[in-house]
Amino acid sequence: VRVTLTRQQMFTFGHRPATIQTLGL
């Protein structure tokens, strides 16, 4: 059996997460 994901399904697993940062110097 071969299973191939579509390009759209390439967006249905891991990703770089959104992040909110606060810096004080």
mmCIF file of all heavy atoms, coordinates in Angstrom:
data_MODEL
# 
_entry.id   MODEL 
# 
loop_
_atom_site.group_PDB 
_atom_site.id 
_atom_site.type_symbol 
_atom_site.label_atom_id 
_atom_site.label_alt_id 
_atom_site.label_comp_id 
_atom_site.label_asym_id 
_atom_site.label_entity_id 
_atom_site.label_seq_id 
_atom_site.pdbx_PDB_ins_code 
_atom_site.Cartn_x 
_atom_site.Cartn_y 
_atom_site.Cartn_z 
_atom_site.occupancy 
_atom_site.B_iso_or_equiv 
_atom_site.pdbx_formal_charge 
_atom_site.auth_seq_id 
_atom_site.auth_comp_id 
_atom_site.auth_asym_id 
_atom_site.auth_atom_id 
_atom_site.pdbx_PDB_model_num 
ATOM 1   N N   . VAL A 1 1  ? 0.839  -1.195 0.000  1.00 0.00 ? 1  VAL A N   1 
ATOM 2   C CA  . VAL A 1 1  ? 0.000  0.000  0.000  1.00 0.00 ? 1  VAL A CA  1 
ATOM 3   C C   . VAL A 1 1  ? 0.877  1.249  0.000  1.00 0.00 ? 1  VAL A C   1 
ATOM 4   O O   . VAL A 1 1  ? 1.906  1.300  0.676  1.00 0.00 ? 1  VAL A O   1 
ATOM 5   C CB  . VAL A 1 1  ? -0.918 0.026  1.246  1.00 0.00 ? 1  VAL A CB  1 
ATOM 6   C CG1 . VAL A 1 1  ? -1.749 1.309  1.277  1.00 0.00 ? 1  VAL A CG1 1 
ATOM 7   C CG2 . VAL A 1 1  ? -1.829 -1.192 1.268  1.00 0.00 ? 1  VAL A CG2 1 
ATOM 8   N N   . ARG A 1 2  ? 0.419  2.250  -0.764 1.00 0.00 ? 2  ARG A N   1 
ATOM 9   C CA  . ARG A 1 2  ? 1.063  3.563  -0.715 1.00 0.00 ? 2  ARG A CA  1 
ATOM 10  C C   . ARG A 1 2  ? 0.030  4.607  -0.302 1.00 0.00 ? 2  ARG A C   1 
ATOM 11  O O   . ARG A 1 2  ? -1.065 4.643  -0.860 1.00 0.00 ? 2  ARG A O   1 
ATOM 12  C CB  . ARG A 1 2  ? 1.676  3.934  -2.059 1.00 0.00 ? 2  ARG A CB  1 
ATOM 13  C CG  . ARG A 1 2  ? 2.251  5.365  -2.074 1.00 0.00 ? 2  ARG A CG  1 
ATOM 14  C CD  . ARG A 1 2  ? 2.934  5.692  -3.397 1.00 0.00 ? 2  ARG A CD  1 
ATOM 15  N NE  . ARG A 1 2  ? 4.060  4.801  -3.604 1.00 0.00 ? 2  ARG A NE  1 
ATOM 16  C CZ  . ARG A 1 2  ? 4.499  4.411  -4.794 1.00 0.00 ? 2  ARG A CZ  1 
ATOM 17  N NH1 . ARG A 1 2  ? 3.899  4.838  -5.889 1.00 0.00 ? 2  ARG A NH1 1 
ATOM 18  N NH2 . ARG A 1 2  ? 5.527  3.597  -4.898 1.00 0.00 ? 2  ARG A NH2 1 
ATOM 19  N N   . VAL A 1 3  ? 0.422  5.447  0.667  1.00 0.00 ? 3  VAL A N   1 
ATOM 20  C CA  . VAL A 1 3  ? -0.421 6.563  1.087  1.00 0.00 ? 3  VAL A CA  1 
ATOM 21  C C   . VAL A 1 3  ? 0.380  7.844  0.926  1.00 0.00 ? 3  VAL A C   1 
ATOM 22  O O   . VAL A 1 3  ? 1.475  7.978  1.485  1.00 0.00 ? 3  VAL A O   1 
ATOM 23  C CB  . VAL A 1 3  ? -0.893 6.418  2.545  1.00 0.00 ? 3  VAL A CB  1 
ATOM 24  C CG1 . VAL A 1 3  ? -1.710 7.643  2.967  1.00 0.00 ? 3  VAL A CG1 1 
ATOM 25  C CG2 . VAL A 1 3  ? -1.728 5.147  2.703  1.00 0.00 ? 3  VAL A CG2 1 
ATOM 26  N N   . THR A 1 4  ? -0.166 8.763  0.150  1.00 0.00 ? 4  THR A N   1 
ATOM 27  C CA  . THR A 1 4  ? 0.474  10.058 -0.095 1.00 0.00 ? 4  THR A CA  1 
ATOM 28  C C   . THR A 1 4  ? -0.451 11.171 0.375  1.00 0.00 ? 4  THR A C   1 
ATOM 29  O O   . THR A 1 4  ? -1.636 11.176 0.031  1.00 0.00 ? 4  THR A O   1 
ATOM 30  C CB  . THR A 1 4  ? 0.768  10.250 -1.594 1.00 0.00 ? 4  THR A CB  1 
ATOM 31  O OG1 . THR A 1 4  ? 1.548  9.150  -2.075 1.00 0.00 ? 4  THR A OG1 1 
ATOM 32  C CG2 . THR A 1 4  ? 1.511  11.554 -1.840 1.00 0.00 ? 4  THR A CG2 1 
ATOM 33  N N   . LEU A 1 5  ? 0.084  12.090 1.152  1.00 0.00 ? 5  LEU A N   1 
ATOM 34  C CA  . LEU A 1 5  ? -0.704 13.236 1.576  1.00 0.00 ? 5  LEU A CA  1 
ATOM 35  C C   . LEU A 1 5  ? -0.740 14.278 0.470  1.00 0.00 ? 5  LEU A C   1 
ATOM 36  O O   . LEU A 1 5  ? 0.213  14.416 -0.306 1.00 0.00 ? 5  LEU A O   1 
ATOM 37  C CB  . LEU A 1 5  ? -0.125 13.854 2.849  1.00 0.00 ? 5  LEU A CB  1 
ATOM 38  C CG  . LEU A 1 5  ? -0.051 12.940 4.082  1.00 0.00 ? 5  LEU A CG  1 
ATOM 39  C CD1 . LEU A 1 5  ? 0.380  13.750 5.303  1.00 0.00 ? 5  LEU A CD1 1 
ATOM 40  C CD2 . LEU A 1 5  ? -1.373 12.243 4.351  1.00 0.00 ? 5  LEU A CD2 1 
ATOM 41  N N   . THR A 1 6  ? -1.815 15.034 0.410  1.00 0.00 ? 6  THR A N   1 
ATOM 42  C CA  . THR A 1 6  ? -1.907 16.140 -0.533 1.00 0.00 ? 6  THR A CA  1 
ATOM 43  C C   . THR A 1 6  ? -1.169 17.349 0.033  1.00 0.00 ? 6  THR A C   1 
ATOM 44  O O   . THR A 1 6  ? -0.799 17.382 1.213  1.00 0.00 ? 6  THR A O   1 
ATOM 45  C CB  . THR A 1 6  ? -3.370 16.522 -0.771 1.00 0.00 ? 6  THR A CB  1 
ATOM 46  O OG1 . THR A 1 6  ? -3.927 17.031 0.457  1.00 0.00 ? 6  THR A OG1 1 
ATOM 47  C CG2 . THR A 1 6  ? -4.186 15.323 -1.225 1.00 0.00 ? 6  THR A CG2 1 
ATOM 48  N N   . ARG A 1 7  ? -0.963 18.368 -0.795 1.00 0.00 ? 7  ARG A N   1 
ATOM 49  C CA  . ARG A 1 7  ? -0.317 19.585 -0.299 1.00 0.00 ? 7  ARG A CA  1 
ATOM 50  C C   . ARG A 1 7  ? -1.157 20.218 0.811  1.00 0.00 ? 7  ARG A C   1 
ATOM 51  O O   . ARG A 1 7  ? -0.619 20.714 1.798  1.00 0.00 ? 7  ARG A O   1 
ATOM 52  C CB  . ARG A 1 7  ? -0.096 20.573 -1.441 1.00 0.00 ? 7  ARG A CB  1 
ATOM 53  C CG  . ARG A 1 7  ? 0.532  21.890 -1.024 1.00 0.00 ? 7  ARG A CG  1 
ATOM 54  C CD  . ARG A 1 7  ? 1.880  21.716 -0.328 1.00 0.00 ? 7  ARG A CD  1 
ATOM 55  N NE  . ARG A 1 7  ? 2.878  21.109 -1.194 1.00 0.00 ? 7  ARG A NE  1 
ATOM 56  C CZ  . ARG A 1 7  ? 4.135  20.853 -0.810 1.00 0.00 ? 7  ARG A CZ  1 
ATOM 57  N NH1 . ARG A 1 7  ? 4.537  21.147 0.429  1.00 0.00 ? 7  ARG A NH1 1 
ATOM 58  N NH2 . ARG A 1 7  ? 4.992  20.303 -1.654 1.00 0.00 ? 7  ARG A NH2 1 
ATOM 59  N N   . GLN A 1 8  ? -2.485 20.189 0.666  1.00 0.00 ? 8  GLN A N   1 
ATOM 60  C CA  . GLN A 1 8  ? -3.342 20.738 1.710  1.00 0.00 ? 8  GLN A CA  1 
ATOM 61  C C   . GLN A 1 8  ? -3.165 19.970 3.024  1.00 0.00 ? 8  GLN A C   1 
ATOM 62  O O   . GLN A 1 8  ? -3.169 20.554 4.112  1.00 0.00 ? 8  GLN A O   1 
ATOM 63  C CB  . GLN A 1 8  ? -4.810 20.698 1.273  1.00 0.00 ? 8  GLN A CB  1 
ATOM 64  C CG  . GLN A 1 8  ? -5.184 21.716 0.215  1.00 0.00 ? 8  GLN A CG  1 
ATOM 65  C CD  . GLN A 1 8  ? -4.639 21.355 -1.164 1.00 0.00 ? 8  GLN A CD  1 
ATOM 66  O OE1 . GLN A 1 8  ? -4.361 20.179 -1.446 1.00 0.00 ? 8  GLN A OE1 1 
ATOM 67  N NE2 . GLN A 1 8  ? -4.464 22.349 -2.030 1.00 0.00 ? 8  GLN A NE2 1 
ATOM 68  N N   . GLN A 1 9  ? -2.988 18.646 2.919  1.00 0.00 ? 9  GLN A N   1 
ATOM 69  C CA  . GLN A 1 9  ? -2.818 17.839 4.129  1.00 0.00 ? 9  GLN A CA  1 
ATOM 70  C C   . GLN A 1 9  ? -1.451 18.024 4.765  1.00 0.00 ? 9  GLN A C   1 
ATOM 71  O O   . GLN A 1 9  ? -1.247 17.632 5.920  1.00 0.00 ? 9  GLN A O   1 
ATOM 72  C CB  . GLN A 1 9  ? -3.073 16.365 3.794  1.00 0.00 ? 9  GLN A CB  1 
ATOM 73  C CG  . GLN A 1 9  ? -4.545 16.077 3.535  1.00 0.00 ? 9  GLN A CG  1 
ATOM 74  C CD  . GLN A 1 9  ? -4.796 14.720 2.913  1.00 0.00 ? 9  GLN A CD  1 
ATOM 75  O OE1 . GLN A 1 9  ? -3.895 14.087 2.346  1.00 0.00 ? 9  GLN A OE1 1 
ATOM 76  N NE2 . GLN A 1 9  ? -6.039 14.246 2.983  1.00 0.00 ? 9  GLN A NE2 1 
ATOM 77  N N   . MET A 1 10 ? -0.522 18.640 4.053  1.00 0.00 ? 10 MET A N   1 
ATOM 78  C CA  . MET A 1 10 ? 0.772  18.974 4.647  1.00 0.00 ? 10 MET A CA  1 
ATOM 79  C C   . MET A 1 10 ? 0.612  20.045 5.736  1.00 0.00 ? 10 MET A C   1 
ATOM 80  O O   . MET A 1 10 ? 1.546  20.326 6.490  1.00 0.00 ? 10 MET A O   1 
ATOM 81  C CB  . MET A 1 10 ? 1.747  19.463 3.577  1.00 0.00 ? 10 MET A CB  1 
ATOM 82  C CG  . MET A 1 10 ? 2.105  18.424 2.532  1.00 0.00 ? 10 MET A CG  1 
ATOM 83  S SD  . MET A 1 10 ? 3.218  17.144 3.137  1.00 0.00 ? 10 MET A SD  1 
ATOM 84  C CE  . MET A 1 10 ? 4.772  18.034 3.139  1.00 0.00 ? 10 MET A CE  1 
ATOM 85  N N   . PHE A 1 11 ? -0.562 20.649 5.805  1.00 0.00 ? 11 PHE A N   1 
ATOM 86  C CA  . PHE A 1 11 ? -0.861 21.637 6.838  1.00 0.00 ? 11 PHE A CA  1 
ATOM 87  C C   . PHE A 1 11 ? -1.655 21.021 7.991  1.00 0.00 ? 11 PHE A C   1 
ATOM 88  O O   . PHE A 1 11 ? -2.193 21.754 8.826  1.00 0.00 ? 11 PHE A O   1 
ATOM 89  C CB  . PHE A 1 11 ? -1.657 22.798 6.244  1.00 0.00 ? 11 PHE A CB  1 
ATOM 90  C CG  . PHE A 1 11 ? -0.859 23.699 5.338  1.00 0.00 ? 11 PHE A CG  1 
ATOM 91  C CD1 . PHE A 1 11 ? -0.543 23.316 4.045  1.00 0.00 ? 11 PHE A CD1 1 
ATOM 92  C CD2 . PHE A 1 11 ? -0.426 24.947 5.779  1.00 0.00 ? 11 PHE A CD2 1 
ATOM 93  C CE1 . PHE A 1 11 ? 0.187  24.146 3.198  1.00 0.00 ? 11 PHE A CE1 1 
ATOM 94  C CE2 . PHE A 1 11 ? 0.311  25.779 4.947  1.00 0.00 ? 11 PHE A CE2 1 
ATOM 95  C CZ  . PHE A 1 11 ? 0.615  25.381 3.651  1.00 0.00 ? 11 PHE A CZ  1 
ATOM 96  N N   . THR A 1 12 ? -1.733 19.694 8.048  1.00 0.00 ? 12 THR A N   1 
ATOM 97  C CA  . THR A 1 12 ? -2.565 19.039 9.065  1.00 0.00 ? 12 THR A CA  1 
ATOM 98  C C   . THR A 1 12 ? -1.751 18.285 10.110 1.00 0.00 ? 12 THR A C   1 
ATOM 99  O O   . THR A 1 12 ? -2.275 17.427 10.801 1.00 0.00 ? 12 THR A O   1 
ATOM 100 C CB  . THR A 1 12 ? -3.558 18.072 8.397  1.00 0.00 ? 12 THR A CB  1 
ATOM 101 O OG1 . THR A 1 12 ? -2.836 17.034 7.715  1.00 0.00 ? 12 THR A OG1 1 
ATOM 102 C CG2 . THR A 1 12 ? -4.462 18.793 7.407  1.00 0.00 ? 12 THR A CG2 1 
ATOM 103 N N   . PHE A 1 13 ? -0.466 18.614 10.204 1.00 0.00 ? 13 PHE A N   1 
ATOM 104 C CA  . PHE A 1 13 ? 0.325  18.072 11.316 1.00 0.00 ? 13 PHE A CA  1 
ATOM 105 C C   . PHE A 1 13 ? 1.250  19.165 11.808 1.00 0.00 ? 13 PHE A C   1 
ATOM 106 O O   . PHE A 1 13 ? 0.879  20.331 11.820 1.00 0.00 ? 13 PHE A O   1 
ATOM 107 C CB  . PHE A 1 13 ? 1.043  16.761 10.942 1.00 0.00 ? 13 PHE A CB  1 
ATOM 108 C CG  . PHE A 1 13 ? 1.806  16.801 9.653  1.00 0.00 ? 13 PHE A CG  1 
ATOM 109 C CD1 . PHE A 1 13 ? 3.130  17.208 9.639  1.00 0.00 ? 13 PHE A CD1 1 
ATOM 110 C CD2 . PHE A 1 13 ? 1.221  16.411 8.455  1.00 0.00 ? 13 PHE A CD2 1 
ATOM 111 C CE1 . PHE A 1 13 ? 3.859  17.238 8.458  1.00 0.00 ? 13 PHE A CE1 1 
ATOM 112 C CE2 . PHE A 1 13 ? 1.940  16.430 7.268  1.00 0.00 ? 13 PHE A CE2 1 
ATOM 113 C CZ  . PHE A 1 13 ? 3.259  16.852 7.272  1.00 0.00 ? 13 PHE A CZ  1 
ATOM 114 N N   . GLY A 1 14 ? 2.448  18.850 12.247 1.00 0.00 ? 14 GLY A N   1 
ATOM 115 C CA  . GLY A 1 14 ? 3.283  19.802 12.976 1.00 0.00 ? 14 GLY A CA  1 
ATOM 116 C C   . GLY A 1 14 ? 3.607  21.094 12.253 1.00 0.00 ? 14 GLY A C   1 
ATOM 117 O O   . GLY A 1 14 ? 3.621  21.166 11.033 1.00 0.00 ? 14 GLY A O   1 
ATOM 118 N N   . HIS A 1 15 ? 3.896  22.124 13.035 1.00 0.00 ? 15 HIS A N   1 
ATOM 119 C CA  . HIS A 1 15 ? 4.188  23.457 12.517 1.00 0.00 ? 15 HIS A CA  1 
ATOM 120 C C   . HIS A 1 15 ? 5.028  24.214 13.546 1.00 0.00 ? 15 HIS A C   1 
ATOM 121 O O   . HIS A 1 15 ? 5.122  23.810 14.701 1.00 0.00 ? 15 HIS A O   1 
ATOM 122 C CB  . HIS A 1 15 ? 2.887  24.212 12.258 1.00 0.00 ? 15 HIS A CB  1 
ATOM 123 C CG  . HIS A 1 15 ? 1.993  24.283 13.473 1.00 0.00 ? 15 HIS A CG  1 
ATOM 124 N ND1 . HIS A 1 15 ? 1.018  23.343 13.732 1.00 0.00 ? 15 HIS A ND1 1 
ATOM 125 C CD2 . HIS A 1 15 ? 1.950  25.167 14.499 1.00 0.00 ? 15 HIS A CD2 1 
ATOM 126 C CE1 . HIS A 1 15 ? 0.408  23.643 14.866 1.00 0.00 ? 15 HIS A CE1 1 
ATOM 127 N NE2 . HIS A 1 15 ? 0.954  24.740 15.354 1.00 0.00 ? 15 HIS A NE2 1 
ATOM 128 N N   . ARG A 1 16 ? 5.624  25.328 13.098 1.00 0.00 ? 16 ARG A N   1 
ATOM 129 C CA  . ARG A 1 16 ? 6.282  26.215 14.057 1.00 0.00 ? 16 ARG A CA  1 
ATOM 130 C C   . ARG A 1 16 ? 5.183  26.971 14.805 1.00 0.00 ? 16 ARG A C   1 
ATOM 131 O O   . ARG A 1 16 ? 4.312  27.592 14.181 1.00 0.00 ? 16 ARG A O   1 
ATOM 132 C CB  . ARG A 1 16 ? 7.209  27.198 13.346 1.00 0.00 ? 16 ARG A CB  1 
ATOM 133 C CG  . ARG A 1 16 ? 8.173  27.902 14.314 1.00 0.00 ? 16 ARG A CG  1 
ATOM 134 C CD  . ARG A 1 16 ? 8.903  29.087 13.694 1.00 0.00 ? 16 ARG A CD  1 
ATOM 135 N NE  . ARG A 1 16 ? 9.725  28.778 12.542 1.00 0.00 ? 16 ARG A NE  1 
ATOM 136 C CZ  . ARG A 1 16 ? 10.963 28.296 12.593 1.00 0.00 ? 16 ARG A CZ  1 
ATOM 137 N NH1 . ARG A 1 16 ? 11.508 28.035 13.759 1.00 0.00 ? 16 ARG A NH1 1 
ATOM 138 N NH2 . ARG A 1 16 ? 11.653 28.076 11.479 1.00 0.00 ? 16 ARG A NH2 1 
ATOM 139 N N   . PRO A 1 17 ? 5.207  26.932 16.140 1.00 0.00 ? 17 PRO A N   1 
ATOM 140 C CA  . PRO A 1 17 ? 4.074  27.492 16.875 1.00 0.00 ? 17 PRO A CA  1 
ATOM 141 C C   . PRO A 1 17 ? 4.079  29.017 16.917 1.00 0.00 ? 17 PRO A C   1 
ATOM 142 O O   . PRO A 1 17 ? 5.136  29.654 16.938 1.00 0.00 ? 17 PRO A O   1 
ATOM 143 C CB  . PRO A 1 17 ? 4.269  26.925 18.291 1.00 0.00 ? 17 PRO A CB  1 
ATOM 144 C CG  . PRO A 1 17 ? 5.755  26.725 18.402 1.00 0.00 ? 17 PRO A CG  1 
ATOM 145 C CD  . PRO A 1 17 ? 6.202  26.315 17.028 1.00 0.00 ? 17 PRO A CD  1 
ATOM 146 N N   . ALA A 1 18 ? 2.873  29.587 16.929 1.00 0.00 ? 18 ALA A N   1 
ATOM 147 C CA  . ALA A 1 18 ? 2.740  31.018 17.184 1.00 0.00 ? 18 ALA A CA  1 
ATOM 148 C C   . ALA A 1 18 ? 3.305  31.319 18.569 1.00 0.00 ? 18 ALA A C   1 
ATOM 149 O O   . ALA A 1 18 ? 3.149  30.532 19.503 1.00 0.00 ? 18 ALA A O   1 
ATOM 150 C CB  . ALA A 1 18 ? 1.278  31.421 17.104 1.00 0.00 ? 18 ALA A CB  1 
ATOM 151 N N   . THR A 1 19 ? 3.959  32.452 18.706 1.00 0.00 ? 19 THR A N   1 
ATOM 152 C CA  . THR A 1 19 ? 4.620  32.797 19.966 1.00 0.00 ? 19 THR A CA  1 
ATOM 153 C C   . THR A 1 19 ? 4.502  34.290 20.220 1.00 0.00 ? 19 THR A C   1 
ATOM 154 O O   . THR A 1 19 ? 4.631  35.101 19.309 1.00 0.00 ? 19 THR A O   1 
ATOM 155 C CB  . THR A 1 19 ? 6.113  32.400 19.933 1.00 0.00 ? 19 THR A CB  1 
ATOM 156 O OG1 . THR A 1 19 ? 6.230  31.016 19.589 1.00 0.00 ? 19 THR A OG1 1 
ATOM 157 C CG2 . THR A 1 19 ? 6.774  32.608 21.285 1.00 0.00 ? 19 THR A CG2 1 
ATOM 158 N N   . ILE A 1 20 ? 4.247  34.635 21.482 1.00 0.00 ? 20 ILE A N   1 
ATOM 159 C CA  . ILE A 1 20 ? 4.200  36.024 21.937 1.00 0.00 ? 20 ILE A CA  1 
ATOM 160 C C   . ILE A 1 20 ? 5.333  36.210 22.943 1.00 0.00 ? 20 ILE A C   1 
ATOM 161 O O   . ILE A 1 20 ? 5.421  35.465 23.926 1.00 0.00 ? 20 ILE A O   1 
ATOM 162 C CB  . ILE A 1 20 ? 2.850  36.351 22.601 1.00 0.00 ? 20 ILE A CB  1 
ATOM 163 C CG1 . ILE A 1 20 ? 1.693  36.072 21.625 1.00 0.00 ? 20 ILE A CG1 1 
ATOM 164 C CG2 . ILE A 1 20 ? 2.815  37.802 23.073 1.00 0.00 ? 20 ILE A CG2 1 
ATOM 165 C CD1 . ILE A 1 20 ? 0.332  36.080 22.298 1.00 0.00 ? 20 ILE A CD1 1 
ATOM 166 N N   . GLN A 1 21 ? 6.193  37.174 22.700 1.00 0.00 ? 21 GLN A N   1 
ATOM 167 C CA  . GLN A 1 21 ? 7.337  37.407 23.582 1.00 0.00 ? 21 GLN A CA  1 
ATOM 168 C C   . GLN A 1 21 ? 7.320  38.830 24.132 1.00 0.00 ? 21 GLN A C   1 
ATOM 169 O O   . GLN A 1 21 ? 6.913  39.765 23.441 1.00 0.00 ? 21 GLN A O   1 
ATOM 170 C CB  . GLN A 1 21 ? 8.654  37.183 22.829 1.00 0.00 ? 21 GLN A CB  1 
ATOM 171 C CG  . GLN A 1 21 ? 8.813  35.782 22.275 1.00 0.00 ? 21 GLN A CG  1 
ATOM 172 C CD  . GLN A 1 21 ? 10.098 35.624 21.482 1.00 0.00 ? 21 GLN A CD  1 
ATOM 173 O OE1 . GLN A 1 21 ? 11.197 35.615 22.037 1.00 0.00 ? 21 GLN A OE1 1 
ATOM 174 N NE2 . GLN A 1 21 ? 9.965  35.495 20.177 1.00 0.00 ? 21 GLN A NE2 1 
ATOM 175 N N   . THR A 1 22 ? 7.796  38.961 25.361 1.00 0.00 ? 22 THR A N   1 
ATOM 176 C CA  . THR A 1 22 ? 7.991  40.267 25.974 1.00 0.00 ? 22 THR A CA  1 
ATOM 177 C C   . THR A 1 22 ? 9.439  40.371 26.413 1.00 0.00 ? 22 THR A C   1 
ATOM 178 O O   . THR A 1 22 ? 9.949  39.464 27.084 1.00 0.00 ? 22 THR A O   1 
ATOM 179 C CB  . THR A 1 22 ? 7.069  40.462 27.189 1.00 0.00 ? 22 THR A CB  1 
ATOM 180 O OG1 . THR A 1 22 ? 5.710  40.277 26.775 1.00 0.00 ? 22 THR A OG1 1 
ATOM 181 C CG2 . THR A 1 22 ? 7.231  41.862 27.771 1.00 0.00 ? 22 THR A CG2 1 
ATOM 182 N N   . LEU A 1 23 ? 10.088 41.444 26.003 1.00 0.00 ? 23 LEU A N   1 
ATOM 183 C CA  . LEU A 1 23 ? 11.486 41.661 26.371 1.00 0.00 ? 23 LEU A CA  1 
ATOM 184 C C   . LEU A 1 23 ? 11.639 42.989 27.085 1.00 0.00 ? 23 LEU A C   1 
ATOM 185 O O   . LEU A 1 23 ? 11.019 43.990 26.699 1.00 0.00 ? 23 LEU A O   1 
ATOM 186 C CB  . LEU A 1 23 ? 12.385 41.655 25.137 1.00 0.00 ? 23 LEU A CB  1 
ATOM 187 C CG  . LEU A 1 23 ? 12.948 40.263 24.801 1.00 0.00 ? 23 LEU A CG  1 
ATOM 188 C CD1 . LEU A 1 23 ? 12.492 39.825 23.453 1.00 0.00 ? 23 LEU A CD1 1 
ATOM 189 C CD2 . LEU A 1 23 ? 14.453 40.274 24.893 1.00 0.00 ? 23 LEU A CD2 1 
ATOM 190 N N   . GLY A 1 24 ? 12.473 42.982 28.111 1.00 0.00 ? 24 GLY A N   1 
ATOM 191 C CA  . GLY A 1 24 ? 12.844 44.206 28.796 1.00 0.00 ? 24 GLY A CA  1 
ATOM 192 C C   . GLY A 1 24 ? 14.353 44.279 28.924 1.00 0.00 ? 24 GLY A C   1 
ATOM 193 O O   . GLY A 1 24 ? 14.996 43.313 29.345 1.00 0.00 ? 24 GLY A O   1 
ATOM 194 N N   . LEU A 1 25 ? 14.948 45.400 28.517 1.00 0.00 ? 25 LEU A N   1 
ATOM 195 C CA  . LEU A 1 25 ? 16.390 45.608 28.616 1.00 0.00 ? 25 LEU A CA  1 
ATOM 196 C C   . LEU A 1 25 ? 16.641 46.932 29.327 1.00 0.00 ? 25 LEU A C   1 
ATOM 197 O O   . LEU A 1 25 ? 16.036 47.954 28.971 1.00 0.00 ? 25 LEU A O   1 
ATOM 198 C CB  . LEU A 1 25 ? 17.041 45.649 27.232 1.00 0.00 ? 25 LEU A CB  1 
ATOM 199 C CG  . LEU A 1 25 ? 17.091 44.346 26.435 1.00 0.00 ? 25 LEU A CG  1 
ATOM 200 C CD1 . LEU A 1 25 ? 17.551 44.622 25.003 1.00 0.00 ? 25 LEU A CD1 1 
ATOM 201 C CD2 . LEU A 1 25 ? 18.011 43.341 27.099 1.00 0.00 ? 25 LEU A CD2 1 
# 
